[in-house]
């Protein structure tokens, strides 16, 4: 009887450890994936800003294509075309948002 209880307890502990490890591995994969995505986003922001300085205002589709090609070379097959496109759109949105805020700050200073 005692051996049966020990066998059941051992199996239960092993099951709990396996489940806990499964969650830990899933958590680490998610965390590592988010870290990589953040890194890719920073690269996208850098490329967007660099191309904006090179080409200047206007010509949005040309600039986007240039950034897309650069990012595709850097990340290879690690991201889909759709993910790269979303990174570029997010980087452009952030850049425009910051520029708009700076423009509002300058306008507020002029109005004082």
C-alpha atoms as a PDB file:
ATOM      1  CA  UNK A   1       0.000   0.000   0.000  1.00  0.00           C
ATOM      2  CA  UNK A   2       2.793   2.336   0.929  1.00  0.00           C
ATOM      3  CA  UNK A   3       4.567   1.646  -2.395  1.00  0.00           C
ATOM      4  CA  UNK A   4       1.385   2.470  -4.301  1.00  0.00           C
ATOM      5  CA  UNK A   5       1.042   5.831  -2.526  1.00  0.00           C
ATOM      6  CA  UNK A   6       4.700   6.670  -3.240  1.00  0.00           C
ATOM      7  CA  UNK A   7       4.281   5.733  -6.909  1.00  0.00           C
ATOM      8  CA  UNK A   8       1.195   7.939  -7.218  1.00  0.00           C
ATOM      9  CA  UNK A   9       2.921  10.853  -5.453  1.00  0.00           C
ATOM     10  CA  UNK A  10       6.015  10.492  -7.637  1.00  0.00           C
ATOM     11  CA  UNK A  11       3.891  10.458 -10.788  1.00  0.00           C
ATOM     12  CA  UNK A  12       1.958  13.499  -9.532  1.00  0.00           C
ATOM     13  CA  UNK A  13       5.131  15.461  -8.798  1.00  0.00           C
ATOM     14  CA  UNK A  14       6.543  14.565 -12.215  1.00  0.00           C
ATOM     15  CA  UNK A  15       3.322  15.720 -13.866  1.00  0.00           C
ATOM     16  CA  UNK A  16       3.390  19.047 -12.001  1.00  0.00           C
ATOM     17  CA  UNK A  17       7.041  19.583 -12.969  1.00  0.00           C
ATOM     18  CA  UNK A  18       6.304  18.807 -16.633  1.00  0.00           C
ATOM     19  CA  UNK A  19       3.386  21.256 -16.710  1.00  0.00           C
ATOM     20  CA  UNK A  20       5.447  23.951 -14.968  1.00  0.00           C
ATOM     21  CA  UNK A  21       8.315  23.472 -17.418  1.00  0.00           C
ATOM     22  CA  UNK A  22       5.885  23.687 -20.324  1.00  0.00           C
ATOM     23  CA  UNK A  23       4.617  27.050 -19.099  1.00  0.00           C
ATOM     24  CA  UNK A  24       8.161  28.257 -18.430  1.00  0.00           C
ATOM     25  CA  UNK A  25       9.320  27.326 -21.917  1.00  0.00           C
ATOM     26  CA  UNK A  26       6.268  29.007 -23.456  1.00  0.00           C
ATOM     27  CA  UNK A  27       6.898  32.142 -21.382  1.00  0.00           C
ATOM     28  CA  UNK A  28      10.560  32.263 -22.407  1.00  0.00           C
ATOM     29  CA  UNK A  29       9.694  31.804 -26.082  1.00  0.00           C
ATOM     30  CA  UNK A  30       7.199  34.656 -25.850  1.00  0.00           C
ATOM     31  CA  UNK A  31       9.671  36.876 -24.025  1.00  0.00           C
ATOM     32  CA  UNK A  32      12.480  36.123 -26.470  1.00  0.00           C
ATOM     33  CA  UNK A  33      10.097  36.679 -29.386  1.00  0.00           C
ATOM     34  CA  UNK A  34       9.089  40.075 -28.003  1.00  0.00           C
ATOM     35  CA  UNK A  35      12.736  41.048 -27.502  1.00  0.00           C
ATOM     36  CA  UNK A  36      13.532  40.141 -31.100  1.00  0.00           C
ATOM     37  CA  UNK A  37      10.501  42.056 -32.358  1.00  0.00           C
ATOM     38  CA  UNK A  38      11.591  45.112 -30.365  1.00  0.00           C
ATOM     39  CA  UNK A  39      15.041  44.832 -31.924  1.00  0.00           C
ATOM     40  CA  UNK A  40      13.534  44.561 -35.419  1.00  0.00           C
ATOM     41  CA  UNK A  41      11.344  47.583 -34.689  1.00  0.00           C
ATOM     42  CA  UNK A  42      14.384  49.632 -33.629  1.00  0.00           C
ATOM     43  CA  UNK A  43      16.121  48.639 -36.872  1.00  0.00           C
ATOM     44  CA  UNK A  44      13.009  49.633 -38.849  1.00  0.00           C
ATOM     45  CA  UNK A  45      12.899  53.028 -37.105  1.00  0.00           C
ATOM     46  CA  UNK A  46      16.556  53.623 -37.918  1.00  0.00           C
ATOM     47  CA  UNK A  47      16.035  52.720 -41.577  1.00  0.00           C
ATOM     48  CA  UNK A  48      12.908  54.889 -41.858  1.00  0.00           C
ATOM     49  CA  UNK A  49      14.728  57.889 -40.396  1.00  0.00           C
ATOM     50  CA  UNK A  50      17.786  57.343 -42.594  1.00  0.00           C
ATOM     51  CA  UNK A  51      15.756  57.015 -45.794  1.00  0.00           C
ATOM     52  CA  UNK A  52      13.687  60.058 -44.812  1.00  0.00           C
ATOM     53  CA  UNK A  53      16.891  62.079 -44.521  1.00  0.00           C
ATOM     54  CA  UNK A  54      18.272  60.722 -47.799  1.00  0.00           C
ATOM     55  CA  UNK A  55      15.190  61.102 -49.977  1.00  0.00           C
ATOM     56  CA  UNK A  56      13.400  63.937 -48.171  1.00  0.00           C
ATOM     57  CA  UNK A  57       9.692  64.754 -47.995  1.00  0.00           C
ATOM     58  CA  UNK A  58       7.198  63.180 -50.372  1.00  0.00           C
ATOM     59  CA  UNK A  59       7.805  60.032 -52.423  1.00  0.00           C
ATOM     60  CA  UNK A  60       6.289  57.829 -49.717  1.00  0.00           C
ATOM     61  CA  UNK A  61       5.962  54.640 -51.804  1.00  0.00           C
ATOM     62  CA  UNK A  62       9.585  54.906 -52.982  1.00  0.00           C
ATOM     63  CA  UNK A  63      10.843  55.379 -49.434  1.00  0.00           C
ATOM     64  CA  UNK A  64       8.723  52.514 -48.158  1.00  0.00           C
ATOM     65  CA  UNK A  65      10.047  50.202 -50.879  1.00  0.00           C
ATOM     66  CA  UNK A  66      13.620  51.168 -50.023  1.00  0.00           C
ATOM     67  CA  UNK A  67      13.123  50.533 -46.303  1.00  0.00           C
ATOM     68  CA  UNK A  68      11.306  47.276 -47.085  1.00  0.00           C
ATOM     69  CA  UNK A  69      14.233  46.024 -49.178  1.00  0.00           C
ATOM     70  CA  UNK A  70      16.771  46.993 -46.508  1.00  0.00           C
ATOM     71  CA  UNK A  71      14.785  45.286 -43.750  1.00  0.00           C
ATOM     72  CA  UNK A  72      14.261  42.193 -45.883  1.00  0.00           C
ATOM     73  CA  UNK A  73      18.040  41.905 -46.310  1.00  0.00           C
ATOM     74  CA  UNK A  74      18.663  42.311 -42.586  1.00  0.00           C
ATOM     75  CA  UNK A  75      15.988  39.971 -41.219  1.00  0.00           C
ATOM     76  CA  UNK A  76      15.981  37.467 -44.070  1.00  0.00           C
ATOM     77  CA  UNK A  77      13.201  34.911 -43.691  1.00  0.00           C
ATOM     78  CA  UNK A  78      12.675  35.548 -39.982  1.00  0.00           C
ATOM     79  CA  UNK A  79       9.724  37.873 -40.665  1.00  0.00           C
ATOM     80  CA  UNK A  80       6.949  37.727 -43.233  1.00  0.00           C
ATOM     81  CA  UNK A  81       6.397  40.527 -45.729  1.00  0.00           C
ATOM     82  CA  UNK A  82       3.281  41.526 -43.784  1.00  0.00           C
ATOM     83  CA  UNK A  83       5.231  41.770 -40.512  1.00  0.00           C
ATOM     84  CA  UNK A  84       7.913  43.884 -42.187  1.00  0.00           C
ATOM     85  CA  UNK A  85       5.215  46.132 -43.640  1.00  0.00           C
ATOM     86  CA  UNK A  86       3.641  46.586 -40.197  1.00  0.00           C
ATOM     87  CA  UNK A  87       7.014  47.432 -38.651  1.00  0.00           C
ATOM     88  CA  UNK A  88       7.598  50.096 -41.294  1.00  0.00           C
ATOM     89  CA  UNK A  89       4.110  51.558 -40.848  1.00  0.00           C
ATOM     90  CA  UNK A  90       4.579  51.687 -37.074  1.00  0.00           C
ATOM     91  CA  UNK A  91       7.984  53.361 -37.416  1.00  0.00           C
ATOM     92  CA  UNK A  92       6.601  55.962 -39.838  1.00  0.00           C
ATOM     93  CA  UNK A  93       3.624  56.611 -37.555  1.00  0.00           C
ATOM     94  CA  UNK A  94       5.905  57.122 -34.556  1.00  0.00           C
ATOM     95  CA  UNK A  95       8.220  59.426 -36.519  1.00  0.00           C
ATOM     96  CA  UNK A  96       5.306  61.541 -37.783  1.00  0.00           C
ATOM     97  CA  UNK A  97       3.762  61.641 -34.300  1.00  0.00           C
ATOM     98  CA  UNK A  98       7.000  62.878 -32.740  1.00  0.00           C
ATOM     99  CA  UNK A  99       7.485  65.466 -35.482  1.00  0.00           C
ATOM    100  CA  UNK A 100       3.912  66.662 -35.001  1.00  0.00           C
ATOM    101  CA  UNK A 101       4.455  66.996 -31.242  1.00  0.00           C
ATOM    102  CA  UNK A 102       7.654  68.959 -31.810  1.00  0.00           C
ATOM    103  CA  UNK A 103       5.815  71.182 -34.259  1.00  0.00           C
ATOM    104  CA  UNK A 104       3.093  71.833 -31.679  1.00  0.00           C
ATOM    105  CA  UNK A 105       5.718  72.633 -29.042  1.00  0.00           C
ATOM    106  CA  UNK A 106       7.416  75.124 -31.365  1.00  0.00           C
ATOM    107  CA  UNK A 107       4.062  76.671 -32.216  1.00  0.00           C
ATOM    108  CA  UNK A 108       3.212  76.990 -28.514  1.00  0.00           C
ATOM    109  CA  UNK A 109       6.551  78.709 -27.863  1.00  0.00           C
ATOM    110  CA  UNK A 110       5.938  81.153 -30.714  1.00  0.00           C
ATOM    111  CA  UNK A 111       2.444  81.960 -29.383  1.00  0.00           C
ATOM    112  CA  UNK A 112       3.755  82.857 -25.891  1.00  0.00           C
END
